[in-house]
């Protein structure tokens, strides 16, 4: 009598992962919304400088006695995008697939699962990993900046610690020796939020130091005022940047409020200013140079981010050995696999970045 064997099932999964591993990783990266919305730096294996040069003003009336420039012709500034390696370990227990719909095509004496189940398995892993990165990317933090837990210290809500091999955030005041294991109710595991500083984290850190002109107060965005607030946000930009054109990134929550306010304001049939073939909307008064673009990776944020796509970077490396599925480690009941992936983000030029006062 034939039987289902773990060896056959593991082999099917392993062969699929091995034969198509580069396509699998590429699919994971390319299916991320954030990759479509930002400028992608590939082959990011070491810190990379994003240089900027700014010419200095020096126009003056003609004077034959003046023979030297008043200072340098310009200044250089630089911001660095730093790669961080993340990983996900996957335990494969083929026999558990019998509990899924795949068993509907499985004969009682079949020696293996139905053809195609390995592809289904890895497809689902791709979707899950993509969602994890996309959902956590924006407010992710740098794990190397998180201090180790100290038993004698007290912690307040919001503080983060490295404890053992994991990272935790305090959710309620913890006194000495109230560690994540001793008092788990006061801590939450944040491993998935420690992928390196995300754009939201960088923005929160830089906000106070931005020029006053780049911080535009909108106050609370509502279903009645959102259209006026977003339009006012654009109108408050410096004329040179208005002319440059760009994107105002927002969450789908903000876009929903904007559309409701827009529908009410133009309920008598005026154009809704839709960008052809896109969920984005042209900003009224921008000569179609600026659009409001909803993005999934901002989750429910009320922040407005006005800049150019070329100014916001997402870094990864889809060609290195890290960006592949590691070799199979067979266990008694199945096998373990590991994904390793470089993730990073940065803003190249803060002078062309506009933010509202909401988080």
Protein backbone atom coordinates (compact mmCIF):
# COMPACT_ATOMS: atom_id res chain seq x y z
CA UNK A 1 0.00 0.00 0.00
CA UNK A 2 1.32 3.43 -0.93
CA UNK A 3 1.64 6.20 1.64
CA UNK A 4 2.41 9.88 1.86
CA UNK A 5 6.02 10.36 2.89
CA UNK A 6 7.58 13.45 4.38
CA UNK A 7 10.63 12.97 2.19
CA UNK A 8 8.67 13.26 -1.07
CA UNK A 9 6.77 16.29 0.17
CA UNK A 10 9.86 18.07 1.44
CA UNK A 11 11.63 17.35 -1.84
CA UNK A 12 8.81 18.93 -3.80
CA UNK A 13 8.97 22.10 -1.74
CA UNK A 14 12.74 22.21 -1.70
CA UNK A 15 13.09 21.64 -5.46
CA UNK A 16 10.64 24.40 -6.26
CA UNK A 17 12.40 26.81 -3.93
CA UNK A 18 15.79 25.91 -5.31
CA UNK A 19 14.97 25.96 -9.00
CA UNK A 20 13.09 29.24 -8.89
CA UNK A 21 14.64 30.94 -5.88
CA UNK A 22 15.68 34.14 -7.69
CA UNK A 23 12.19 34.54 -9.13
CA UNK A 24 10.65 33.95 -5.72
CA UNK A 25 12.69 36.69 -4.07
CA UNK A 26 12.15 39.08 -6.96
CA UNK A 27 8.43 38.46 -6.70
CA UNK A 28 8.47 39.21 -2.99
CA UNK A 29 10.28 42.51 -3.52
CA UNK A 30 8.40 43.58 -6.62
CA UNK A 31 4.98 42.78 -5.17
CA UNK A 32 5.51 45.28 -2.37
CA UNK A 33 3.51 48.46 -2.87
CA UNK A 34 6.36 50.44 -1.35
CA UNK A 35 8.61 49.38 -4.23
CA UNK A 36 6.14 50.82 -6.72
CA UNK A 37 5.76 54.07 -4.79
CA UNK A 38 9.39 54.94 -4.02
CA UNK A 39 12.75 54.99 -5.77
CA UNK A 40 14.38 51.57 -5.37
CA UNK A 41 18.10 51.13 -4.79
CA UNK A 42 19.09 47.60 -5.73
CA UNK A 43 22.38 45.88 -4.93
CA UNK A 44 22.50 47.79 -1.63
CA UNK A 45 25.06 45.81 0.36
CA UNK A 46 26.88 48.57 2.25
CA UNK A 47 25.98 52.08 3.42
CA UNK A 48 25.56 54.36 0.42
CA UNK A 49 25.81 58.16 0.44
CA UNK A 50 23.06 60.15 -1.25
CA UNK A 51 24.95 63.39 -2.04
CA UNK A 52 23.39 66.75 -2.69
CA UNK A 53 25.02 69.90 -4.04
CA UNK A 54 23.50 73.35 -3.52
CA UNK A 55 24.82 76.36 -5.43
CA UNK A 56 25.33 79.52 -3.43
CA UNK A 57 23.79 82.85 -4.37
CA UNK A 58 26.27 85.54 -5.37
CA UNK A 59 24.71 87.95 -7.85
CA UNK A 60 25.73 91.58 -7.22
CA UNK A 61 26.22 94.92 -9.02
CA UNK A 62 29.23 95.22 -11.31
CA UNK A 63 32.37 96.53 -9.61
CA UNK A 64 35.77 96.34 -11.36
CA UNK A 65 37.54 96.43 -8.00
CA UNK A 66 35.95 93.16 -6.91
CA UNK A 67 37.96 90.20 -8.17
CA UNK A 68 37.00 87.35 -5.85
CA UNK A 69 33.87 85.40 -5.11
CA UNK A 70 32.32 85.92 -1.72
CA UNK A 71 32.81 82.41 -0.42
CA UNK A 72 32.44 79.00 -2.03
CA UNK A 73 30.32 78.47 -5.09
CA UNK A 74 28.14 75.99 -3.25
CA UNK A 75 27.97 73.43 -0.49
CA UNK A 76 27.76 69.67 -0.33
CA UNK A 77 25.51 67.77 2.00
CA UNK A 78 24.91 64.06 2.27
CA UNK A 79 22.56 61.57 3.78
CA UNK A 80 23.36 57.90 4.07
CA UNK A 81 21.11 54.91 3.49
CA UNK A 82 22.20 52.03 5.71
CA UNK A 83 21.23 48.43 4.88
CA UNK A 84 19.85 46.17 7.58
CA UNK A 85 19.43 42.44 7.10
CA UNK A 86 16.16 40.87 8.17
CA UNK A 87 15.24 37.22 8.24
CA UNK A 88 12.29 34.90 8.53
CA UNK A 89 12.58 31.22 9.44
CA UNK A 90 9.90 28.95 8.01
CA UNK A 91 9.17 25.51 9.39
CA UNK A 92 7.64 23.19 6.82
CA UNK A 93 5.55 20.28 8.12
CA UNK A 94 4.12 18.70 4.97
CA UNK A 95 1.68 16.43 6.77
CA UNK A 96 -0.18 19.49 8.07
CA UNK A 97 -1.19 20.26 4.50
CA UNK A 98 -3.63 17.38 4.76
CA UNK A 99 -5.74 19.67 6.92
CA UNK A 100 -6.13 22.16 4.08
CA UNK A 101 -8.17 22.21 0.88
CA UNK A 102 -5.25 20.54 -0.89
CA UNK A 103 -6.38 17.24 0.58
CA UNK A 104 -9.49 17.38 -1.64
CA UNK A 105 -7.35 16.25 -4.57
CA UNK A 106 -5.42 13.68 -2.59
CA UNK A 107 -6.29 10.01 -3.11
CA UNK A 108 -6.24 7.79 -0.07
CA UNK A 109 -3.22 5.85 -1.28
CA UNK A 110 -1.45 8.65 -3.11
CA UNK A 111 2.31 8.64 -2.54
CA UNK A 112 2.58 12.45 -2.75
CA UNK A 113 0.41 15.54 -2.58
CA UNK A 114 -1.30 16.79 -5.76
CA UNK A 115 0.95 18.41 -8.32
CA UNK A 116 1.43 22.13 -7.83
CA UNK A 117 1.12 22.18 -4.05
CA UNK A 118 4.76 23.29 -3.66
CA UNK A 119 4.13 26.30 -5.87
CA UNK A 120 1.03 27.11 -3.85
CA UNK A 121 3.03 26.86 -0.64
CA UNK A 122 5.75 29.26 -1.77
CA UNK A 123 3.21 31.62 -3.34
CA UNK A 124 1.52 31.94 0.04
CA UNK A 125 4.86 32.52 1.75
CA UNK A 126 5.59 35.31 -0.74
CA UNK A 127 2.26 36.99 -0.06
CA UNK A 128 2.71 36.78 3.71
CA UNK A 129 6.28 38.08 3.68
CA UNK A 130 5.34 40.91 1.32
CA UNK A 131 2.50 41.94 3.62
CA UNK A 132 4.78 41.84 6.67
CA UNK A 133 7.37 44.12 5.08
CA UNK A 134 4.79 46.45 3.56
CA UNK A 135 2.82 46.83 6.81
CA UNK A 136 5.83 47.35 9.11
CA UNK A 137 8.18 49.28 6.80
CA UNK A 138 6.95 52.83 7.50
CA UNK A 139 7.46 52.93 11.29
CA UNK A 140 10.17 50.29 11.50
CA UNK A 141 13.15 51.06 13.75
CA UNK A 142 16.86 50.24 13.62
CA UNK A 143 17.55 47.21 15.83
CA UNK A 144 21.15 48.33 16.34
CA UNK A 145 19.90 51.49 18.07
CA UNK A 146 17.92 49.54 20.69
CA UNK A 147 19.69 49.13 24.04
CA UNK A 148 19.85 45.87 25.95
CA UNK A 149 17.39 45.29 28.76
CA UNK A 150 18.85 46.11 32.20
CA UNK A 151 17.21 44.25 35.07
CA UNK A 152 17.74 47.07 37.56
CA UNK A 153 16.14 49.74 35.36
CA UNK A 154 12.55 50.93 35.26
CA UNK A 155 10.85 51.39 31.90
CA UNK A 156 7.93 53.46 30.69
CA UNK A 157 5.44 52.77 27.92
CA UNK A 158 7.02 53.15 24.50
CA UNK A 159 10.58 52.31 25.47
CA UNK A 160 12.20 49.50 23.50
CA UNK A 161 14.74 46.93 24.64
CA UNK A 162 16.74 44.02 23.28
CA UNK A 163 16.09 40.99 25.45
CA UNK A 164 17.83 37.75 24.62
CA UNK A 165 17.41 37.23 20.88
CA UNK A 166 14.21 39.30 20.68
CA UNK A 167 13.13 42.94 20.78
CA UNK A 168 10.31 44.27 22.96
CA UNK A 169 8.41 47.49 23.54
CA UNK A 170 7.13 48.42 26.97
CA UNK A 171 3.33 48.86 27.05
CA UNK A 172 2.95 49.79 30.74
CA UNK A 173 5.34 51.07 33.39
CA UNK A 174 7.73 48.29 34.36
CA UNK A 175 9.82 48.48 37.52
CA UNK A 176 13.12 46.73 38.23
CA UNK A 177 13.22 43.06 37.23
CA UNK A 178 9.84 43.22 35.46
CA UNK A 179 11.29 41.74 32.29
CA UNK A 180 9.48 40.53 29.17
CA UNK A 181 9.56 36.99 30.57
CA UNK A 182 8.74 37.85 34.19
CA UNK A 183 5.94 40.28 33.29
CA UNK A 184 4.92 39.58 29.67
CA UNK A 185 1.72 41.61 30.10
CA UNK A 186 3.86 44.77 30.19
CA UNK A 187 5.75 44.05 26.99
CA UNK A 188 5.02 43.32 23.34
CA UNK A 189 7.35 41.60 20.90
CA UNK A 190 8.41 43.98 18.11
CA UNK A 191 10.78 41.77 16.10
CA UNK A 192 8.78 42.49 12.95
CA UNK A 193 9.08 46.24 13.52
CA UNK A 194 12.89 46.21 13.71
CA UNK A 195 13.78 46.11 10.02
CA UNK A 196 15.84 49.31 10.04
CA UNK A 197 14.63 52.91 10.23
CA UNK A 198 11.55 53.30 8.03
CA UNK A 199 10.47 56.53 6.35
CA UNK A 200 8.01 57.34 9.13
CA UNK A 201 10.68 56.87 11.77
CA UNK A 202 13.11 59.07 9.83
CA UNK A 203 10.44 61.72 9.34
CA UNK A 204 9.55 61.75 13.04
CA UNK A 205 13.22 62.18 13.94
CA UNK A 206 13.85 64.96 11.40
CA UNK A 207 10.59 66.89 11.78
CA UNK A 208 11.76 69.29 14.48
CA UNK A 209 14.86 70.27 12.47
CA UNK A 210 13.07 71.01 9.20
CA UNK A 211 12.86 74.65 8.05
CA UNK A 212 9.66 76.30 9.21
CA UNK A 213 8.47 76.62 5.60
CA UNK A 214 8.56 72.84 5.21
CA UNK A 215 6.30 72.20 8.20
CA UNK A 216 2.74 73.03 7.20
CA UNK A 217 0.07 73.01 9.90
CA UNK A 218 -3.14 71.33 8.79
CA UNK A 219 -4.57 70.35 12.13
CA UNK A 220 -6.89 67.36 12.29
CA UNK A 221 -7.98 66.05 8.88
CA UNK A 222 -11.71 65.32 8.70
CA UNK A 223 -14.30 64.25 6.16
CA UNK A 224 -15.42 67.86 5.82
CA UNK A 225 -12.13 69.79 5.77
CA UNK A 226 -9.68 67.37 4.15
CA UNK A 227 -9.98 68.79 0.63
CA UNK A 228 -9.31 72.34 1.81
CA UNK A 229 -6.46 71.19 4.06
CA UNK A 230 -4.70 69.25 1.31
CA UNK A 231 -5.14 72.10 -1.17
CA UNK A 232 -3.81 74.52 1.44
CA UNK A 233 -0.88 72.19 2.04
CA UNK A 234 0.10 72.48 -1.61
CA UNK A 235 -0.48 76.25 -1.68
CA UNK A 236 1.86 76.68 1.29
CA UNK A 237 4.85 75.19 -0.56
CA UNK A 238 7.56 77.45 -1.92
CA UNK A 239 6.77 78.50 -5.51
CA UNK A 240 9.90 76.82 -6.87
CA UNK A 241 8.79 73.51 -5.39
CA UNK A 242 5.22 73.97 -6.58
CA UNK A 243 6.57 74.37 -10.10
CA UNK A 244 8.81 71.34 -9.69
CA UNK A 245 5.84 69.02 -9.27
CA UNK A 246 5.62 65.92 -7.15
CA UNK A 247 3.47 63.70 -5.00
CA UNK A 248 1.67 64.19 -1.74
CA UNK A 249 1.70 60.74 -0.14
CA UNK A 250 -1.08 59.85 2.27
CA UNK A 251 -2.79 56.84 3.81
CA UNK A 252 -5.96 55.39 2.31
CA UNK A 253 -7.76 56.71 5.39
CA UNK A 254 -6.80 60.27 4.48
CA UNK A 255 -7.67 59.70 0.82
CA UNK A 256 -11.13 58.54 1.88
CA UNK A 257 -11.65 61.73 3.86
CA UNK A 258 -10.35 63.79 0.95
CA UNK A 259 -12.75 62.18 -1.52
CA UNK A 260 -15.75 62.65 0.77
CA UNK A 261 -14.87 66.33 1.26
CA UNK A 262 -14.25 66.69 -2.48
CA UNK A 263 -17.57 65.10 -3.38
CA UNK A 264 -19.41 67.48 -1.06
CA UNK A 265 -17.61 70.56 -2.36
CA UNK A 266 -18.18 69.68 -6.02
CA UNK A 267 -21.51 67.90 -5.72
CA UNK A 268 -22.98 69.92 -8.57
CA UNK A 269 -20.98 68.05 -11.20
CA UNK A 270 -17.59 69.73 -11.35
CA UNK A 271 -14.69 67.45 -12.35
CA UNK A 272 -13.21 65.30 -9.61
CA UNK A 273 -9.68 65.83 -11.01
CA UNK A 274 -8.95 62.12 -11.29
CA UNK A 275 -5.55 61.06 -12.63
CA UNK A 276 -6.31 58.79 -15.63
CA UNK A 277 -5.82 55.12 -14.78
CA UNK A 278 -4.87 55.80 -11.16
CA UNK A 279 -6.35 56.07 -7.69
CA UNK A 280 -4.39 59.31 -7.32
CA UNK A 281 -6.04 62.71 -7.68
CA UNK A 282 -4.59 65.88 -9.14
CA UNK A 283 -4.20 68.70 -6.63
CA UNK A 284 -6.47 71.56 -7.66
CA UNK A 285 -4.44 74.62 -8.68
CA UNK A 286 -1.21 72.70 -9.36
CA UNK A 287 -1.62 72.61 -13.16
CA UNK A 288 -1.68 68.82 -12.81
CA UNK A 289 1.91 68.84 -11.55
CA UNK A 290 1.05 67.49 -8.09
CA UNK A 291 -1.04 64.48 -7.17
CA UNK A 292 -2.43 63.10 -3.93
CA UNK A 293 -1.39 59.45 -3.82
CA UNK A 294 -2.72 56.95 -1.24
CA UNK A 295 -0.23 54.25 -0.20
CA UNK A 296 -0.82 51.11 1.82
CA UNK A 297 2.48 51.27 3.71
CA UNK A 298 1.44 54.41 5.61
CA UNK A 299 -1.32 52.35 7.23
CA UNK A 300 -3.70 54.72 9.09
CA UNK A 301 -1.27 57.64 9.38
CA UNK A 302 -2.64 61.17 9.11
CA UNK A 303 0.66 62.49 7.82
CA UNK A 304 0.94 64.26 4.47
CA UNK A 305 4.34 63.82 2.78
CA UNK A 306 4.93 66.18 -0.12
CA UNK A 307 8.01 65.57 -2.26
CA UNK A 308 9.24 63.84 -5.41
CA UNK A 309 9.44 60.08 -5.83
CA UNK A 310 13.15 60.46 -6.59
CA UNK A 311 13.67 61.89 -3.09
CA UNK A 312 12.38 58.85 -1.19
CA UNK A 313 14.45 55.67 -1.30
CA UNK A 314 13.79 52.03 -0.54
CA UNK A 315 16.95 49.94 -0.53
CA UNK A 316 17.32 46.21 -1.03
CA UNK A 317 19.55 43.67 -2.75
CA UNK A 318 17.88 41.10 -4.96
CA UNK A 319 21.09 39.66 -6.41
CA UNK A 320 23.23 38.81 -3.40
CA UNK A 321 23.34 35.46 -1.65
CA UNK A 322 21.38 36.97 1.22
CA UNK A 323 18.35 37.44 -0.98
CA UNK A 324 17.64 33.78 -1.51
CA UNK A 325 16.01 30.96 0.34
CA UNK A 326 18.62 29.23 2.42
CA UNK A 327 19.31 25.55 2.10
CA UNK A 328 16.84 23.08 3.54
CA UNK A 329 17.61 21.78 7.04
CA UNK A 330 15.67 18.56 7.32
CA UNK A 331 14.04 17.78 10.66
CA UNK A 332 12.26 14.72 12.01
CA UNK A 333 8.83 15.84 10.72
CA UNK A 334 9.72 18.29 7.98
CA UNK A 335 12.30 20.96 7.21
CA UNK A 336 13.36 24.49 8.10
CA UNK A 337 14.07 27.26 5.59
CA UNK A 338 15.29 30.81 6.03
CA UNK A 339 14.68 34.00 4.09
CA UNK A 340 17.27 36.77 4.41
CA UNK A 341 16.55 40.16 2.90
CA UNK A 342 18.17 43.60 3.03
CA UNK A 343 15.76 46.45 3.77
CA UNK A 344 16.58 50.14 4.11
CA UNK A 345 15.09 53.57 3.49
CA UNK A 346 16.22 57.18 3.40
CA UNK A 347 15.26 60.70 2.30
CA UNK A 348 17.87 62.26 0.02
CA UNK A 349 16.99 65.96 0.35
CA UNK A 350 15.11 67.40 3.30
CA UNK A 351 14.78 70.83 1.69
CA UNK A 352 12.19 69.55 -0.81
CA UNK A 353 10.28 67.54 1.82
CA UNK A 354 7.01 69.00 3.09
CA UNK A 355 5.14 67.57 6.09
CA UNK A 356 1.97 68.42 7.93
CA UNK A 357 1.68 68.44 11.71
CA UNK A 358 -0.13 65.11 12.05
CA UNK A 359 1.50 61.76 12.78
